[in-house]
Each structure stands twice: as C-alpha cells, then as structure tokens.
Amino acid sequence: RFQHVKANFSKSGHLGDNDPDRCMRHHFVETITHPIYKCNSKMVLLARCEGHCSHTSRSDPLISFSSVLKQPFKSTCFCCRPHTSKLKAVRLRCSGGTRITATYRYILACSCEECS
C-alpha cells in the first residue's frame, strides 16, 4: 500500500507536472446577461487560472544608508495568473431589435509569474 503524497517536490523544491493542484487552466460555463436591458442571455465557455505555484514566497531585509527606510523589505512571491489570452465578443439580441456586444478575455494558458 502506497500513501498518496499531495505535494510532489523534487530536489529543487518545484512541484512536479503530475501534481493535481498545480497552477493550471480550468474551464467553466458562464451565462452572460445584461444587468439593465432586456436581452437574451448566452452561455459561454470561460477559463480561469487556479492552483499552487511551487516557488517559495520570501522577504529579504534591505539595507539603507538613508535616515528614512522607505522600503524595509524586498518580497518575492509567485501567483497563478493568465500567461496568454485572446479577446472574445458575444452579441446579445435585446428588446426593440437592438444588439449589445459583451467582451471578455478567454485564457489560453496559465503560468506562475511574480506577483506585482
């Protein structure tokens, strides 16, 4: 009997590609409706970035020769965020024959990038 280990760390401390909780794209369906006008709603396939980034977050103290230490630490952390996306548009038919366009970005790929 083997015990399932959730975090699959290699010697470098990076999560393996087979980790189910790693930063990756997840698809879901959303219904687009206009908040004010009476329009027909449309269902669209969207994607979100979700999961862990293997890089360890850290904060290092900064040394200053000024009397005021404006920024005492340099912090680095990595976030699961969109790497590439494309702009998409959906047209909704509304009462009175008008059409309203809703735009959104469809995520093509996610990656672990330094948090801003």
PDB file of N, CA and C in Angstrom:
ATOM      1  N   ARG A   1       0.841  -1.213   0.000  1.00  0.00           N
ATOM      2  CA  ARG A   1       0.000   0.000   0.000  1.00  0.00           C
ATOM      3  C   ARG A   1       0.861   1.242   0.000  1.00  0.00           C
ATOM      4  N   PHE A   2       0.634   2.089  -0.996  1.00  0.00           N
ATOM      5  CA  PHE A   2       1.371   3.345  -1.095  1.00  0.00           C
ATOM      6  C   PHE A   2       0.486   4.475  -0.606  1.00  0.00           C
ATOM      7  N   GLN A   3       1.081   5.378   0.150  1.00  0.00           N
ATOM      8  CA  GLN A   3       0.336   6.538   0.631  1.00  0.00           C
ATOM      9  C   GLN A   3       0.476   7.665  -0.386  1.00  0.00           C
ATOM     10  N   HIS A   4      -0.655   8.277  -0.756  1.00  0.00           N
ATOM     11  CA  HIS A   4      -0.644   9.358  -1.739  1.00  0.00           C
ATOM     12  C   HIS A   4      -0.075  10.619  -1.097  1.00  0.00           C
ATOM     13  N   VAL A   5       0.998  11.150  -1.686  1.00  0.00           N
ATOM     14  CA  VAL A   5       1.609  12.385  -1.196  1.00  0.00           C
ATOM     15  C   VAL A   5       1.096  13.527  -2.063  1.00  0.00           C
ATOM     16  N   LYS A   6       0.471  14.524  -1.427  1.00  0.00           N
ATOM     17  CA  LYS A   6      -0.165  15.622  -2.160  1.00  0.00           C
ATOM     18  C   LYS A   6       0.851  16.505  -2.876  1.00  0.00           C
ATOM     19  N   ALA A   7       1.863  16.990  -2.165  1.00  0.00           N
ATOM     20  CA  ALA A   7       2.872  17.856  -2.778  1.00  0.00           C
ATOM     21  C   ALA A   7       4.029  16.989  -3.257  1.00  0.00           C
ATOM     22  N   ASN A   8       4.235  16.939  -4.547  1.00  0.00           N
ATOM     23  CA  ASN A   8       5.264  16.100  -5.137  1.00  0.00           C
ATOM     24  C   ASN A   8       6.495  16.957  -5.433  1.00  0.00           C
ATOM     25  N   PHE A   9       7.351  17.134  -4.443  1.00  0.00           N
ATOM     26  CA  PHE A   9       8.505  18.006  -4.583  1.00  0.00           C
ATOM     27  C   PHE A   9       9.713  17.246  -5.116  1.00  0.00           C
ATOM     28  N   SER A  10      10.433  17.880  -6.025  1.00  0.00           N
ATOM     29  CA  SER A  10      11.708  17.336  -6.468  1.00  0.00           C
ATOM     30  C   SER A  10      12.793  17.982  -5.603  1.00  0.00           C
ATOM     31  N   LYS A  11      14.060  17.658  -5.897  1.00  0.00           N
ATOM     32  CA  LYS A  11      15.161  18.196  -5.087  1.00  0.00           C
ATOM     33  C   LYS A  11      15.222  19.726  -5.136  1.00  0.00           C
ATOM     34  N   SER A  12      14.777  20.314  -6.267  1.00  0.00           N
ATOM     35  CA  SER A  12      14.844  21.766  -6.411  1.00  0.00           C
ATOM     36  C   SER A  12      13.701  22.478  -5.681  1.00  0.00           C
ATOM     37  N   GLY A  13      12.726  21.716  -5.202  1.00  0.00           N
ATOM     38  CA  GLY A  13      11.607  22.325  -4.488  1.00  0.00           C
ATOM     39  C   GLY A  13      10.462  22.720  -5.393  1.00  0.00           C
ATOM     40  N   HIS A  14      10.531  22.334  -6.676  1.00  0.00           N
ATOM     41  CA  HIS A  14       9.454  22.651  -7.618  1.00  0.00           C
ATOM     42  C   HIS A  14       8.436  21.527  -7.627  1.00  0.00           C
ATOM     43  N   LEU A  15       7.176  21.899  -7.796  1.00  0.00           N
ATOM     44  CA  LEU A  15       6.122  20.898  -7.882  1.00  0.00           C
ATOM     45  C   LEU A  15       6.221  20.176  -9.215  1.00  0.00           C
ATOM     46  N   GLY A  16       5.975  18.882  -9.186  1.00  0.00           N
ATOM     47  CA  GLY A  16       6.002  18.103 -10.413  1.00  0.00           C
ATOM     48  C   GLY A  16       4.791  18.391 -11.275  1.00  0.00           C
ATOM     49  N   ASP A  17       4.898  18.102 -12.564  1.00  0.00           N
ATOM     50  CA  ASP A  17       3.801  18.342 -13.507  1.00  0.00           C
ATOM     51  C   ASP A  17       2.577  17.471 -13.225  1.00  0.00           C
ATOM     52  N   ASN A  18       2.792  16.381 -12.500  1.00  0.00           N
ATOM     53  CA  ASN A  18       1.671  15.475 -12.221  1.00  0.00           C
ATOM     54  C   ASN A  18       0.907  15.854 -10.954  1.00  0.00           C
ATOM     55  N   ASP A  19       1.260  16.987 -10.360  1.00  0.00           N
ATOM     56  CA  ASP A  19       0.541  17.435  -9.161  1.00  0.00           C
ATOM     57  C   ASP A  19      -0.812  17.997  -9.580  1.00  0.00           C
ATOM     58  N   PRO A  20      -1.913  17.438  -9.061  1.00  0.00           N
ATOM     59  CA  PRO A  20      -3.239  17.904  -9.488  1.00  0.00           C
ATOM     60  C   PRO A  20      -3.574  19.325  -9.041  1.00  0.00           C
ATOM     61  N   ASP A  21      -2.859  19.855  -8.064  1.00  0.00           N
ATOM     62  CA  ASP A  21      -3.152  21.197  -7.542  1.00  0.00           C
ATOM     63  C   ASP A  21      -2.245  22.269  -8.123  1.00  0.00           C
ATOM     64  N   ARG A  22      -1.435  21.924  -9.118  1.00  0.00           N
ATOM     65  CA  ARG A  22      -0.518  22.913  -9.697  1.00  0.00           C
ATOM     66  C   ARG A  22      -1.304  23.976 -10.465  1.00  0.00           C
ATOM     67  N   CYS A  23      -0.658  25.099 -10.719  1.00  0.00           N
ATOM     68  CA  CYS A  23      -1.271  26.213 -11.449  1.00  0.00           C
ATOM     69  C   CYS A  23      -1.631  25.766 -12.850  1.00  0.00           C
ATOM     70  N   MET A  24      -2.936  25.773 -13.155  1.00  0.00           N
ATOM     71  CA  MET A  24      -3.373  25.378 -14.486  1.00  0.00           C
ATOM     72  C   MET A  24      -4.710  25.995 -14.846  1.00  0.00           C
ATOM     73  N   ARG A  25      -5.101  25.813 -16.104  1.00  0.00           N
ATOM     74  CA  ARG A  25      -6.342  26.382 -16.617  1.00  0.00           C
ATOM     75  C   ARG A  25      -7.501  25.450 -16.313  1.00  0.00           C
ATOM     76  N   HIS A  26      -8.588  26.036 -15.813  1.00  0.00           N
ATOM     77  CA  HIS A  26      -9.814  25.285 -15.534  1.00  0.00           C
ATOM     78  C   HIS A  26     -10.952  25.920 -16.317  1.00  0.00           C
ATOM     79  N   HIS A  27     -11.729  25.102 -17.008  1.00  0.00           N
ATOM     80  CA  HIS A  27     -12.850  25.610 -17.793  1.00  0.00           C
ATOM     81  C   HIS A  27     -14.139  25.609 -16.984  1.00  0.00           C
ATOM     82  N   PHE A  28     -15.011  26.561 -17.282  1.00  0.00           N
ATOM     83  CA  PHE A  28     -16.333  26.602 -16.667  1.00  0.00           C
ATOM     84  C   PHE A  28     -17.277  27.343 -17.604  1.00  0.00           C
ATOM     85  N   VAL A  29     -18.563  27.146 -17.404  1.00  0.00           N
ATOM     86  CA  VAL A  29     -19.573  27.782 -18.255  1.00  0.00           C
ATOM     87  C   VAL A  29     -20.218  28.923 -17.490  1.00  0.00           C
ATOM     88  N   GLU A  30     -20.346  30.066 -18.151  1.00  0.00           N
ATOM     89  CA  GLU A  30     -20.949  31.258 -17.543  1.00  0.00           C
ATOM     90  C   GLU A  30     -22.070  31.743 -18.445  1.00  0.00           C
ATOM     91  N   THR A  31     -23.133  32.236 -17.828  1.00  0.00           N
ATOM     92  CA  THR A  31     -24.235  32.812 -18.593  1.00  0.00           C
ATOM     93  C   THR A  31     -24.072  34.327 -18.612  1.00  0.00           C
ATOM     94  N   ILE A  32     -23.995  34.896 -19.822  1.00  0.00           N
ATOM     95  CA  ILE A  32     -23.842  36.352 -19.963  1.00  0.00           C
ATOM     96  C   ILE A  32     -25.228  36.971 -20.119  1.00  0.00           C
ATOM     97  N   THR A  33     -25.556  37.862 -19.193  1.00  0.00           N
ATOM     98  CA  THR A  33     -26.823  38.608 -19.265  1.00  0.00           C
ATOM     99  C   THR A  33     -26.520  40.083 -19.035  1.00  0.00           C
ATOM    100  N   HIS A  34     -27.305  40.940 -19.647  1.00  0.00           N
ATOM    101  CA  HIS A  34     -27.088  42.373 -19.446  1.00  0.00           C
ATOM    102  C   HIS A  34     -27.736  42.792 -18.129  1.00  0.00           C
ATOM    103  N   PRO A  35     -27.047  43.610 -17.309  1.00  0.00           N
ATOM    104  CA  PRO A  35     -27.595  43.981 -15.995  1.00  0.00           C
ATOM    105  C   PRO A  35     -28.819  44.895 -16.047  1.00  0.00           C
ATOM    106  N   ILE A  36     -29.004  45.647 -17.142  1.00  0.00           N
ATOM    107  CA  ILE A  36     -30.113  46.614 -17.210  1.00  0.00           C
ATOM    108  C   ILE A  36     -31.122  46.249 -18.292  1.00  0.00           C
ATOM    109  N   TYR A  37     -30.635  46.095 -19.528  1.00  0.00           N
ATOM    110  CA  TYR A  37     -31.540  45.893 -20.666  1.00  0.00           C
ATOM    111  C   TYR A  37     -32.072  44.467 -20.732  1.00  0.00           C
ATOM    112  N   LYS A  38     -33.248  44.340 -21.353  1.00  0.00           N
ATOM    113  CA  LYS A  38     -33.852  43.026 -21.546  1.00  0.00           C
ATOM    114  C   LYS A  38     -33.256  42.412 -22.812  1.00  0.00           C
ATOM    115  N   CYS A  39     -32.307  41.521 -22.622  1.00  0.00           N
ATOM    116  CA  CYS A  39     -31.624  40.873 -23.745  1.00  0.00           C
ATOM    117  C   CYS A  39     -31.655  39.366 -23.533  1.00  0.00           C
ATOM    118  N   ASN A  40     -31.509  38.645 -24.645  1.00  0.00           N
ATOM    119  CA  ASN A  40     -31.408  37.197 -24.481  1.00  0.00           C
ATOM    120  C   ASN A  40     -30.034  36.888 -23.888  1.00  0.00           C
ATOM    121  N   SER A  41     -29.963  35.926 -22.997  1.00  0.00           N
ATOM    122  CA  SER A  41     -28.687  35.574 -22.380  1.00  0.00           C
ATOM    123  C   SER A  41     -28.011  34.497 -23.222  1.00  0.00           C
ATOM    124  N   LYS A  42     -26.687  34.452 -23.131  1.00  0.00           N
ATOM    125  CA  LYS A  42     -25.919  33.452 -23.860  1.00  0.00           C
ATOM    126  C   LYS A  42     -24.964  32.754 -22.910  1.00  0.00           C
ATOM    127  N   MET A  43     -24.816  31.442 -23.123  1.00  0.00           N
ATOM    128  CA  MET A  43     -23.866  30.669 -22.320  1.00  0.00           C
ATOM    129  C   MET A  43     -22.539  30.607 -23.073  1.00  0.00           C
ATOM    130  N   VAL A  44     -21.452  30.892 -22.348  1.00  0.00           N
ATOM    131  CA  VAL A  44     -20.120  30.871 -22.957  1.00  0.00           C
ATOM    132  C   VAL A  44     -19.175  30.019 -22.119  1.00  0.00           C
ATOM    133  N   LEU A  45     -18.174  29.452 -22.795  1.00  0.00           N
ATOM    134  CA  LEU A  45     -17.141  28.682 -22.114  1.00  0.00           C
ATOM    135  C   LEU A  45     -16.022  29.641 -21.729  1.00  0.00           C
ATOM    136  N   LEU A  46     -15.723  29.719 -20.451  1.00  0.00           N
ATOM    137  CA  LEU A  46     -14.646  30.568 -19.948  1.00  0.00           C
ATOM    138  C   LEU A  46     -13.568  29.705 -19.318  1.00  0.00           C
ATOM    139  N   ALA A  47     -12.435  30.321 -18.995  1.00  0.00           N
ATOM    140  CA  ALA A  47     -11.353  29.615 -18.312  1.00  0.00           C
ATOM    141  C   ALA A  47     -10.805  30.502 -17.217  1.00  0.00           C
ATOM    142  N   ARG A  48     -10.382  29.871 -16.123  1.00  0.00           N
ATOM    143  CA  ARG A  48      -9.742  30.595 -15.021  1.00  0.00           C
ATOM    144  C   ARG A  48      -8.404  29.939 -14.722  1.00  0.00           C
ATOM    145  N   CYS A  49      -7.505  30.715 -14.121  1.00  0.00           N
ATOM    146  CA  CYS A  49      -6.222  30.174 -13.669  1.00  0.00           C
ATOM    147  C   CYS A  49      -6.347  29.875 -12.180  1.00  0.00           C
ATOM    148  N   GLU A  50      -5.987  28.662 -11.807  1.00  0.00           N
ATOM    149  CA  GLU A  50      -6.126  28.272 -10.417  1.00  0.00           C
ATOM    150  C   GLU A  50      -5.088  27.226 -10.062  1.00  0.00           C
ATOM    151  N   GLY A  51      -4.577  27.310  -8.852  1.00  0.00           N
ATOM    152  CA  GLY A  51      -3.643  26.297  -8.377  1.00  0.00           C
ATOM    153  C   GLY A  51      -2.432  26.886  -7.696  1.00  0.00           C
ATOM    154  N   HIS A  52      -1.586  25.989  -7.228  1.00  0.00           N
ATOM    155  CA  HIS A  52      -0.396  26.380  -6.471  1.00  0.00           C
ATOM    156  C   HIS A  52       0.777  26.671  -7.394  1.00  0.00           C
ATOM    157  N   CYS A  53       1.621  27.590  -6.949  1.00  0.00           N
ATOM    158  CA  CYS A  53       2.905  27.829  -7.593  1.00  0.00           C
ATOM    159  C   CYS A  53       3.977  27.311  -6.645  1.00  0.00           C
ATOM    160  N   SER A  54       4.894  26.550  -7.209  1.00  0.00           N
ATOM    161  CA  SER A  54       5.856  25.843  -6.372  1.00  0.00           C
ATOM    162  C   SER A  54       6.897  26.749  -5.721  1.00  0.00           C
ATOM    163  N   HIS A  55       7.112  27.930  -6.310  1.00  0.00           N
ATOM    164  CA  HIS A  55       8.146  28.824  -5.790  1.00  0.00           C
ATOM    165  C   HIS A  55       7.785  29.285  -4.380  1.00  0.00           C
ATOM    166  N   THR A  56       8.758  29.311  -3.529  1.00  0.00           N
ATOM    167  CA  THR A  56       8.531  29.741  -2.155  1.00  0.00           C
ATOM    168  C   THR A  56       8.498  31.263  -2.098  1.00  0.00           C
ATOM    169  N   SER A  57       7.537  31.804  -1.369  1.00  0.00           N
ATOM    170  CA  SER A  57       7.484  33.254  -1.156  1.00  0.00           C
ATOM    171  C   SER A  57       8.514  33.618  -0.099  1.00  0.00           C
ATOM    172  N   ARG A  58       9.163  34.757  -0.297  1.00  0.00           N
ATOM    173  CA  ARG A  58      10.179  35.168   0.680  1.00  0.00           C
ATOM    174  C   ARG A  58      10.269  36.679   0.782  1.00  0.00           C
ATOM    175  N   SER A  59      10.762  37.137   1.920  1.00  0.00           N
ATOM    176  CA  SER A  59      11.015  38.560   2.142  1.00  0.00           C
ATOM    177  C   SER A  59      12.417  38.726   2.688  1.00  0.00           C
ATOM    178  N   ASP A  60      13.195  39.550   2.022  1.00  0.00           N
ATOM    179  CA  ASP A  60      14.564  39.824   2.457  1.00  0.00           C
ATOM    180  C   ASP A  60      14.666  41.256   2.947  1.00  0.00           C
ATOM    181  N   PRO A  61      15.388  41.496   4.075  1.00  0.00           N
ATOM    182  CA  PRO A  61      15.563  42.877   4.541  1.00  0.00           C
ATOM    183  C   PRO A  61      16.493  43.646   3.610  1.00  0.00           C
ATOM    184  N   LEU A  62      16.170  44.918   3.393  1.00  0.00           N
ATOM    185  CA  LEU A  62      17.010  45.791   2.577  1.00  0.00           C
ATOM    186  C   LEU A  62      17.805  46.716   3.484  1.00  0.00           C
ATOM    187  N   ILE A  63      19.053  46.934   3.117  1.00  0.00           N
ATOM    188  CA  ILE A  63      19.919  47.822   3.903  1.00  0.00           C
ATOM    189  C   ILE A  63      19.909  49.201   3.263  1.00  0.00           C
ATOM    190  N   SER A  64      19.741  50.224   4.101  1.00  0.00           N
ATOM    191  CA  SER A  64      19.692  51.591   3.600  1.00  0.00           C
ATOM    192  C   SER A  64      20.701  52.459   4.325  1.00  0.00           C
ATOM    193  N   PHE A  65      21.252  53.452   3.623  1.00  0.00           N
ATOM    194  CA  PHE A  65      22.156  54.420   4.248  1.00  0.00           C
ATOM    195  C   PHE A  65      21.458  55.755   4.419  1.00  0.00           C
ATOM    196  N   SER A  66      20.118  55.720   4.305  1.00  0.00           N
ATOM    197  CA  SER A  66      19.314  56.922   4.494  1.00  0.00           C
ATOM    198  C   SER A  66      18.695  56.864   5.883  1.00  0.00           C
ATOM    199  N   SER A  67      18.366  58.048   6.446  1.00  0.00           N
ATOM    200  CA  SER A  67      17.755  58.081   7.781  1.00  0.00           C
ATOM    201  C   SER A  67      16.332  57.528   7.756  1.00  0.00           C
ATOM    202  N   VAL A  68      15.701  57.606   6.579  1.00  0.00           N
ATOM    203  CA  VAL A  68      14.341  57.080   6.438  1.00  0.00           C
ATOM    204  C   VAL A  68      14.403  55.802   5.600  1.00  0.00           C
ATOM    205  N   LEU A  69      13.932  54.717   6.187  1.00  0.00           N
ATOM    206  CA  LEU A  69      13.911  53.440   5.491  1.00  0.00           C
ATOM    207  C   LEU A  69      12.550  53.298   4.827  1.00  0.00           C
ATOM    208  N   LYS A  70      12.472  53.781   3.568  1.00  0.00           N
ATOM    209  CA  LYS A  70      11.191  53.798   2.853  1.00  0.00           C
ATOM    210  C   LYS A  70      10.658  52.393   2.592  1.00  0.00           C
ATOM    211  N   GLN A  71      11.551  51.519   2.121  1.00  0.00           N
ATOM    212  CA  GLN A  71      11.138  50.152   1.804  1.00  0.00           C
ATOM    213  C   GLN A  71      12.044  49.203   2.575  1.00  0.00           C
ATOM    214  N   PRO A  72      11.562  48.696   3.735  1.00  0.00           N
ATOM    215  CA  PRO A  72      12.453  47.889   4.570  1.00  0.00           C
ATOM    216  C   PRO A  72      12.693  46.469   4.055  1.00  0.00           C
ATOM    217  N   PHE A  73      11.799  45.970   3.166  1.00  0.00           N
ATOM    218  CA  PHE A  73      11.931  44.588   2.708  1.00  0.00           C
ATOM    219  C   PHE A  73      11.740  44.464   1.198  1.00  0.00           C
ATOM    220  N   LYS A  74      12.371  43.469   0.635  1.00  0.00           N
ATOM    221  CA  LYS A  74      12.132  43.100  -0.761  1.00  0.00           C
ATOM    222  C   LYS A  74      11.440  41.742  -0.725  1.00  0.00           C
ATOM    223  N   SER A  75      10.206  41.717  -1.177  1.00  0.00           N
ATOM    224  CA  SER A  75       9.435  40.477  -1.152  1.00  0.00           C
ATOM    225  C   SER A  75       9.272  39.917  -2.553  1.00  0.00           C
ATOM    226  N   THR A  76       9.368  38.598  -2.641  1.00  0.00           N
ATOM    227  CA  THR A  76       9.096  37.926  -3.910  1.00  0.00           C
ATOM    228  C   THR A  76       8.086  36.813  -3.671  1.00  0.00           C
ATOM    229  N   CYS A  77       7.071  36.793  -4.504  1.00  0.00           N
ATOM    230  CA  CYS A  77       6.096  35.713  -4.440  1.00  0.00           C
ATOM    231  C   CYS A  77       5.594  35.460  -5.858  1.00  0.00           C
ATOM    232  N   PHE A  78       5.069  34.276  -6.096  1.00  0.00           N
ATOM    233  CA  PHE A  78       4.623  33.900  -7.420  1.00  0.00           C
ATOM    234  C   PHE A  78       3.135  33.588  -7.401  1.00  0.00           C
ATOM    235  N   CYS A  79       2.419  34.099  -8.405  1.00  0.00           N
ATOM    236  CA  CYS A  79       0.970  33.938  -8.493  1.00  0.00           C
ATOM    237  C   CYS A  79       0.605  33.145  -9.737  1.00  0.00           C
ATOM    238  N   CYS A  80      -0.466  32.392  -9.622  1.00  0.00           N
ATOM    239  CA  CYS A  80      -1.018  31.658 -10.755  1.00  0.00           C
ATOM    240  C   CYS A  80      -1.883  32.635 -11.531  1.00  0.00           C
ATOM    241  N   ARG A  81      -1.417  33.049 -12.707  1.00  0.00           N
ATOM    242  CA  ARG A  81      -2.139  34.072 -13.458  1.00  0.00           C
ATOM    243  C   ARG A  81      -2.097  33.794 -14.962  1.00  0.00           C
ATOM    244  N   PRO A  82      -2.983  34.464 -15.730  1.00  0.00           N
ATOM    245  CA  PRO A  82      -3.008  34.226 -17.172  1.00  0.00           C
ATOM    246  C   PRO A  82      -1.682  34.583 -17.835  1.00  0.00           C
ATOM    247  N   HIS A  83      -1.203  33.705 -18.699  1.00  0.00           N
ATOM    248  CA  HIS A  83       0.028  33.942 -19.446  1.00  0.00           C
ATOM    249  C   HIS A  83      -0.320  34.440 -20.853  1.00  0.00           C
ATOM    250  N   THR A  84      -1.276  33.794 -21.495  1.00  0.00           N
ATOM    251  CA  THR A  84      -1.769  34.245 -22.793  1.00  0.00           C
ATOM    252  C   THR A  84      -3.292  34.178 -22.805  1.00  0.00           C
ATOM    253  N   SER A  85      -3.900  35.137 -23.473  1.00  0.00           N
ATOM    254  CA  SER A  85      -5.363  35.165 -23.580  1.00  0.00           C
ATOM    255  C   SER A  85      -5.737  35.851 -24.887  1.00  0.00           C
ATOM    256  N   LYS A  86      -6.975  35.662 -25.310  1.00  0.00           N
ATOM    257  CA  LYS A  86      -7.448  36.350 -26.509  1.00  0.00           C
ATOM    258  C   LYS A  86      -8.789  37.006 -26.227  1.00  0.00           C
ATOM    259  N   LEU A  87      -9.004  38.123 -26.902  1.00  0.00           N
ATOM    260  CA  LEU A  87     -10.236  38.884 -26.714  1.00  0.00           C
ATOM    261  C   LEU A  87     -11.368  38.224 -27.489  1.00  0.00           C
ATOM    262  N   LYS A  88     -12.487  38.039 -26.812  1.00  0.00           N
ATOM    263  CA  LYS A  88     -13.659  37.452 -27.459  1.00  0.00           C
ATOM    264  C   LYS A  88     -14.856  38.371 -27.276  1.00  0.00           C
ATOM    265  N   ALA A  89     -15.804  38.258 -28.176  1.00  0.00           N
ATOM    266  CA  ALA A  89     -17.009  39.085 -28.113  1.00  0.00           C
ATOM    267  C   ALA A  89     -18.243  38.220 -28.345  1.00  0.00           C
ATOM    268  N   VAL A  90     -19.308  38.554 -27.617  1.00  0.00           N
ATOM    269  CA  VAL A  90     -20.587  37.863 -27.756  1.00  0.00           C
ATOM    270  C   VAL A  90     -21.655  38.917 -27.982  1.00  0.00           C
ATOM    271  N   ARG A  91     -22.500  38.719 -28.996  1.00  0.00           N
ATOM    272  CA  ARG A  91     -23.574  39.676 -29.282  1.00  0.00           C
ATOM    273  C   ARG A  91     -24.881  39.173 -28.699  1.00  0.00           C
ATOM    274  N   LEU A  92     -25.532  40.036 -27.923  1.00  0.00           N
ATOM    275  CA  LEU A  92     -26.821  39.711 -27.322  1.00  0.00           C
ATOM    276  C   LEU A  92     -27.926  40.458 -28.072  1.00  0.00           C
ATOM    277  N   ARG A  93     -28.989  39.742 -28.395  1.00  0.00           N
ATOM    278  CA  ARG A  93     -30.153  40.383 -29.027  1.00  0.00           C
ATOM    279  C   ARG A  93     -31.040  40.933 -27.917  1.00  0.00           C
ATOM    280  N   CYS A  94     -31.401  42.194 -28.032  1.00  0.00           N
ATOM    281  CA  CYS A  94     -32.181  42.845 -26.988  1.00  0.00           C
ATOM    282  C   CYS A  94     -33.548  43.292 -27.515  1.00  0.00           C
ATOM    283  N   SER A  95     -34.433  43.646 -26.582  1.00  0.00           N
ATOM    284  CA  SER A  95     -35.785  44.082 -26.963  1.00  0.00           C
ATOM    285  C   SER A  95     -35.693  45.333 -27.824  1.00  0.00           C
ATOM    286  N   GLY A  96     -36.559  45.409 -28.823  1.00  0.00           N
ATOM    287  CA  GLY A  96     -36.533  46.542 -29.745  1.00  0.00           C
ATOM    288  C   GLY A  96     -35.594  46.308 -30.908  1.00  0.00           C
ATOM    289  N   GLY A  97     -35.053  45.096 -30.997  1.00  0.00           N
ATOM    290  CA  GLY A  97     -34.179  44.752 -32.119  1.00  0.00           C
ATOM    291  C   GLY A  97     -32.744  45.216 -32.002  1.00  0.00           C
ATOM    292  N   THR A  98     -32.382  45.836 -30.877  1.00  0.00           N
ATOM    293  CA  THR A  98     -31.004  46.298 -30.706  1.00  0.00           C
ATOM    294  C   THR A  98     -30.094  45.128 -30.332  1.00  0.00           C
ATOM    295  N   ARG A  99     -28.811  45.303 -30.630  1.00  0.00           N
ATOM    296  CA  ARG A  99     -27.812  44.285 -30.282  1.00  0.00           C
ATOM    297  C   ARG A  99     -26.740  44.924 -29.407  1.00  0.00           C
ATOM    298  N   ILE A 100     -26.363  44.218 -28.375  1.00  0.00           N
ATOM    299  CA  ILE A 100     -25.320  44.710 -27.469  1.00  0.00           C
ATOM    300  C   ILE A 100     -24.187  43.686 -27.463  1.00  0.00           C
ATOM    301  N   THR A 101     -22.961  44.187 -27.566  1.00  0.00           N
ATOM    302  CA  THR A 101     -21.788  43.314 -27.584  1.00  0.00           C
ATOM    303  C   THR A 101     -21.148  43.265 -26.203  1.00  0.00           C
ATOM    304  N   ALA A 102     -20.924  42.063 -25.715  1.00  0.00           N
ATOM    305  CA  ALA A 102     -20.197  41.847 -24.462  1.00  0.00           C
ATOM    306  C   ALA A 102     -18.817  41.313 -24.824  1.00  0.00           C
ATOM    307  N   THR A 103     -17.783  41.871 -24.217  1.00  0.00           N
ATOM    308  CA  THR A 103     -16.417  41.409 -24.492  1.00  0.00           C
ATOM    309  C   THR A 103     -15.795  40.815 -23.239  1.00  0.00           C
ATOM    310  N   TYR A 104     -14.888  39.870 -23.439  1.00  0.00           N
ATOM    311  CA  TYR A 104     -14.162  39.244 -22.336  1.00  0.00           C
ATOM    312  C   TYR A 104     -12.881  38.633 -22.888  1.00  0.00           C
ATOM    313  N   ARG A 105     -11.986  38.309 -21.995  1.00  0.00           N
ATOM    314  CA  ARG A 105     -10.738  37.665 -22.407  1.00  0.00           C
ATOM    315  C   ARG A 105     -10.811  36.179 -22.079  1.00  0.00           C
ATOM    316  N   TYR A 106     -10.526  35.360 -23.093  1.00  0.00           N
ATOM    317  CA  TYR A 106     -10.506  33.912 -22.928  1.00  0.00           C
ATOM    318  C   TYR A 106      -9.064  33.486 -22.681  1.00  0.00           C
ATOM    319  N   ILE A 107      -8.810  32.847 -21.557  1.00  0.00           N
ATOM    320  CA  ILE A 107      -7.449  32.461 -21.165  1.00  0.00           C
ATOM    321  C   ILE A 107      -7.008  31.240 -21.960  1.00  0.00           C
ATOM    322  N   LEU A 108      -5.858  31.363 -22.597  1.00  0.00           N
ATOM    323  CA  LEU A 108      -5.283  30.267 -23.382  1.00  0.00           C
ATOM    324  C   LEU A 108      -4.290  29.446 -22.567  1.00  0.00           C
ATOM    325  N   ALA A 109      -3.541  30.123 -21.690  1.00  0.00           N
ATOM    326  CA  ALA A 109      -2.550  29.418 -20.870  1.00  0.00           C
ATOM    327  C   ALA A 109      -2.311  30.155 -19.576  1.00  0.00           C
ATOM    328  N   CYS A 110      -2.021  29.406 -18.518  1.00  0.00           N
ATOM    329  CA  CYS A 110      -1.705  29.965 -17.196  1.00  0.00           C
ATOM    330  C   CYS A 110      -0.254  29.666 -16.856  1.00  0.00           C
ATOM    331  N   SER A 111       0.328  30.516 -16.039  1.00  0.00           N
ATOM    332  CA  SER A 111       1.688  30.264 -15.567  1.00  0.00           C
ATOM    333  C   SER A 111       1.908  30.935 -14.217  1.00  0.00           C
ATOM    334  N   CYS A 112       2.947  30.496 -13.542  1.00  0.00           N
ATOM    335  CA  CYS A 112       3.341  31.103 -12.273  1.00  0.00           C
ATOM    336  C   CYS A 112       4.252  32.281 -12.578  1.00  0.00           C
ATOM    337  N   GLU A 113       3.776  33.468 -12.298  1.00  0.00           N
ATOM    338  CA  GLU A 113       4.567  34.673 -12.543  1.00  0.00           C
ATOM    339  C   GLU A 113       4.695  35.472 -11.263  1.00  0.00           C
ATOM    340  N   GLU A 114       5.742  36.291 -11.206  1.00  0.00           N
ATOM    341  CA  GLU A 114       5.978  37.090  -9.999  1.00  0.00           C
ATOM    342  C   GLU A 114       4.819  38.050  -9.761  1.00  0.00           C
ATOM    343  N   CYS A 115       4.326  38.069  -8.524  1.00  0.00           N
ATOM    344  CA  CYS A 115       3.202  38.938  -8.172  1.00  0.00           C
ATOM    345  C   CYS A 115       3.649  40.389  -8.214  1.00  0.00           C
ATOM    346  N   SER A 116       2.791  41.249  -8.732  1.00  0.00           N
ATOM    347  CA  SER A 116       3.134  42.674  -8.816  1.00  0.00           C
ATOM    348  C   SER A 116       2.683  43.386  -7.546  1.00  0.00           C
TER     349      SER A 116
END
